[in-house]
C-alpha atoms as a PDB file:
ATOM      1  CA  ILE A   1      -0.070   0.067   0.238  1.00  0.00           C
ATOM      2  CA  ASP A   2       1.236   3.296  -0.835  1.00  0.00           C
ATOM      3  CA  GLN A   3       1.860   5.386   2.380  1.00  0.00           C
ATOM      4  CA  HIS A   4       0.993   8.638   0.345  1.00  0.00           C
ATOM      5  CA  ARG A   5      -1.994   7.187  -1.540  1.00  0.00           C
ATOM      6  CA  THR A   6      -3.559   4.774   0.868  1.00  0.00           C
ATOM      7  CA  PHE A   7      -6.228   3.866  -1.782  1.00  0.00           C
ATOM      8  CA  ASN A   8      -3.774   2.250  -3.957  1.00  0.00           C
ATOM      9  CA  GLY A   9      -2.000  -1.095  -3.556  1.00  0.00           C
ATOM     10  CA  GLU A  10       0.558  -2.895  -5.493  1.00  0.00           C
ATOM     11  CA  ILE A  11       0.754  -6.958  -6.033  1.00  0.00           C
ATOM     12  CA  GLY A  12       4.146  -8.507  -6.944  1.00  0.00           C
ATOM     13  CA  TYR A  13       5.065 -12.231  -7.628  1.00  0.00           C
ATOM     14  CA  PHE A  14       7.903 -14.580  -8.117  1.00  0.00           C
ATOM     15  CA  VAL A  15       7.394 -18.268  -8.519  1.00  0.00           C
ATOM     16  CA  ASP A  16      10.292 -20.494  -8.433  1.00  0.00           C
ATOM     17  CA  GLN A  17      10.649 -22.324 -11.818  1.00  0.00           C
ATOM     18  CA  VAL A  18       9.958 -25.663 -10.332  1.00  0.00           C
ATOM     19  CA  CYS A  19       6.525 -24.421  -9.530  1.00  0.00           C
ATOM     20  CA  TRP A  20       5.653 -22.660 -13.073  1.00  0.00           C
ATOM     21  CA  GLY A  21       2.470 -23.441 -14.814  1.00  0.00           C
ATOM     22  CA  LYS A  22       0.618 -24.628 -11.709  1.00  0.00           C
ATOM     23  CA  GLY A  23      -1.682 -21.635 -11.239  1.00  0.00           C
ATOM     24  CA  ILE A  24       0.010 -20.597  -8.118  1.00  0.00           C
ATOM     25  CA  ALA A  25       0.699 -16.933  -9.038  1.00  0.00           C
ATOM     26  CA  THR A  26      -2.651 -16.506 -10.465  1.00  0.00           C
ATOM     27  CA  GLN A  27      -4.430 -17.983  -7.122  1.00  0.00           C
ATOM     28  CA  ALA A  28      -2.124 -15.749  -5.036  1.00  0.00           C
ATOM     29  CA  VAL A  29      -3.088 -12.381  -7.120  1.00  0.00           C
ATOM     30  CA  LYS A  30      -6.794 -13.421  -6.716  1.00  0.00           C
ATOM     31  CA  LYS A  31      -6.534 -13.889  -3.140  1.00  0.00           C
ATOM     32  CA  LEU A  32      -4.430 -10.760  -2.454  1.00  0.00           C
ATOM     33  CA  GLU A  33      -6.965  -8.880  -4.621  1.00  0.00           C
ATOM     34  CA  ARG A  34      -9.985  -9.710  -2.637  1.00  0.00           C
ATOM     35  CA  ILE A  35      -7.843  -8.563   0.784  1.00  0.00           C
ATOM     36  CA  GLY A  36      -7.107  -5.417  -0.952  1.00  0.00           C
ATOM     37  CA  PHE A  37     -10.686  -4.481  -2.087  1.00  0.00           C
ATOM     38  CA  ASP A  38     -12.765  -5.881   0.648  1.00  0.00           C
ATOM     39  CA  GLU A  39     -10.606  -5.629   3.592  1.00  0.00           C
ATOM     40  CA  LEU A  40      -8.343  -2.861   3.043  1.00  0.00           C
ATOM     41  CA  ASN A  41     -10.622  -0.915   1.145  1.00  0.00           C
ATOM     42  CA  LEU A  42      -8.341  -0.043  -1.833  1.00  0.00           C
ATOM     43  CA  GLU A  43      -9.847   1.621  -4.825  1.00  0.00           C
ATOM     44  CA  ARG A  44      -6.817   0.554  -7.023  1.00  0.00           C
ATOM     45  CA  ILE A  45      -4.363  -2.427  -7.369  1.00  0.00           C
ATOM     46  CA  GLU A  46      -1.192  -2.311  -9.663  1.00  0.00           C
ATOM     47  CA  ILE A  47       0.884  -4.977 -11.266  1.00  0.00           C
ATOM     48  CA  PHE A  48       4.167  -4.406 -12.750  1.00  0.00           C
ATOM     49  CA  THR A  49       5.616  -7.002 -15.053  1.00  0.00           C
ATOM     50  CA  ASP A  50       8.992  -7.127 -16.637  1.00  0.00           C
ATOM     51  CA  ILE A  51       8.431  -6.982 -20.375  1.00  0.00           C
ATOM     52  CA  ARG A  52      10.683  -9.852 -21.158  1.00  0.00           C
ATOM     53  CA  HIS A  53       8.690 -12.108 -18.811  1.00  0.00           C
ATOM     54  CA  LYS A  54       5.432 -13.194 -20.630  1.00  0.00           C
ATOM     55  CA  ALA A  55       4.203 -15.574 -18.078  1.00  0.00           C
ATOM     56  CA  SER A  56       3.758 -12.706 -15.405  1.00  0.00           C
ATOM     57  CA  GLU A  57       2.030 -10.746 -18.059  1.00  0.00           C
ATOM     58  CA  LYS A  58      -0.270 -13.639 -18.685  1.00  0.00           C
ATOM     59  CA  VAL A  59      -1.029 -13.971 -14.895  1.00  0.00           C
ATOM     60  CA  ALA A  60      -2.109 -10.110 -14.914  1.00  0.00           C
ATOM     61  CA  ILE A  61      -4.152 -10.735 -17.880  1.00  0.00           C
ATOM     62  CA  LYS A  62      -6.002 -13.752 -16.602  1.00  0.00           C
ATOM     63  CA  CYS A  63      -6.876 -12.095 -13.447  1.00  0.00           C
ATOM     64  CA  GLY A  64      -8.588  -9.274 -15.316  1.00  0.00           C
ATOM     65  CA  TYR A  65      -5.846  -6.378 -14.913  1.00  0.00           C
ATOM     66  CA  LYS A  66      -5.834  -3.848 -17.918  1.00  0.00           C
ATOM     67  CA  LYS A  67      -2.507  -2.756 -19.313  1.00  0.00           C
ATOM     68  CA  GLU A  68      -2.040   1.097 -18.701  1.00  0.00           C
ATOM     69  CA  GLY A  69       1.392   1.468 -20.253  1.00  0.00           C
ATOM     70  CA  VAL A  70       5.084   0.930 -20.265  1.00  0.00           C
ATOM     71  CA  MET A  71       7.412   2.346 -17.319  1.00  0.00           C
ATOM     72  CA  ARG A  72      10.865   2.876 -18.646  1.00  0.00           C
ATOM     73  CA  LYS A  73      13.726   1.450 -16.900  1.00  0.00           C
ATOM     74  CA  ALA A  74      11.452   0.562 -14.044  1.00  0.00           C
ATOM     75  CA  ILE A  75      13.126  -2.509 -13.194  1.00  0.00           C
ATOM     76  CA  LYS A  76      16.842  -3.049 -12.113  1.00  0.00           C
ATOM     77  CA  THR A  77      18.633  -6.411 -12.148  1.00  0.00           C
ATOM     78  CA  GLY A  78      22.328  -6.351 -11.494  1.00  0.00           C
ATOM     79  CA  LYS A  79      23.510  -3.268 -13.154  1.00  0.00           C
ATOM     80  CA  SER A  80      20.825  -3.163 -15.893  1.00  0.00           C
ATOM     81  CA  TYR A  81      17.464  -1.576 -16.034  1.00  0.00           C
ATOM     82  CA  TYR A  82      14.470  -3.056 -17.857  1.00  0.00           C
ATOM     83  CA  ASP A  83      11.175  -1.705 -18.884  1.00  0.00           C
ATOM     84  CA  ALA A  84       7.785  -2.836 -17.379  1.00  0.00           C
ATOM     85  CA  PHE A  85       4.389  -2.854 -18.295  1.00  0.00           C
ATOM     86  CA  LEU A  86       1.948  -1.240 -15.922  1.00  0.00           C
ATOM     87  CA  TYR A  87      -1.491  -3.373 -15.222  1.00  0.00           C
ATOM     88  CA  ALA A  88      -4.052  -2.276 -13.187  1.00  0.00           C
ATOM     89  CA  LYS A  89      -7.531  -2.993 -11.742  1.00  0.00           C
ATOM     90  CA  VAL A  90      -9.890  -0.420 -10.021  1.00  0.00           C
ATOM     91  CA  LYS A  91     -12.857  -1.361  -7.851  1.00  0.00           C
END
C-alpha cells in the first residue's frame, strides 16, 4: 500500500521455476486482490511486469488487470535496467 495514496496497492509475485504452470501466481493474485478491495478498501491495485517475462504478463491478464502502459527502466537487475508493463484494476 502506498503510504501517500492509501487507496492504492501493488501486488508482486515471483514463482520458482519448479512451480511454473501450476496456477500459483494466479491464485495468489486473486486472494490478495480480494483482501485489498474487500478488507483494506483499496480503490486501485497495480501489477508491474518485466516486459521480457510473458508468463507474468499472462497472470495479470488472466486476473482481469488492464494494461495501462510501459514504465521505462522501472526494473533493475544487477547493473541493468529494464522496462515494465503497468497493469491495474480498479474497484
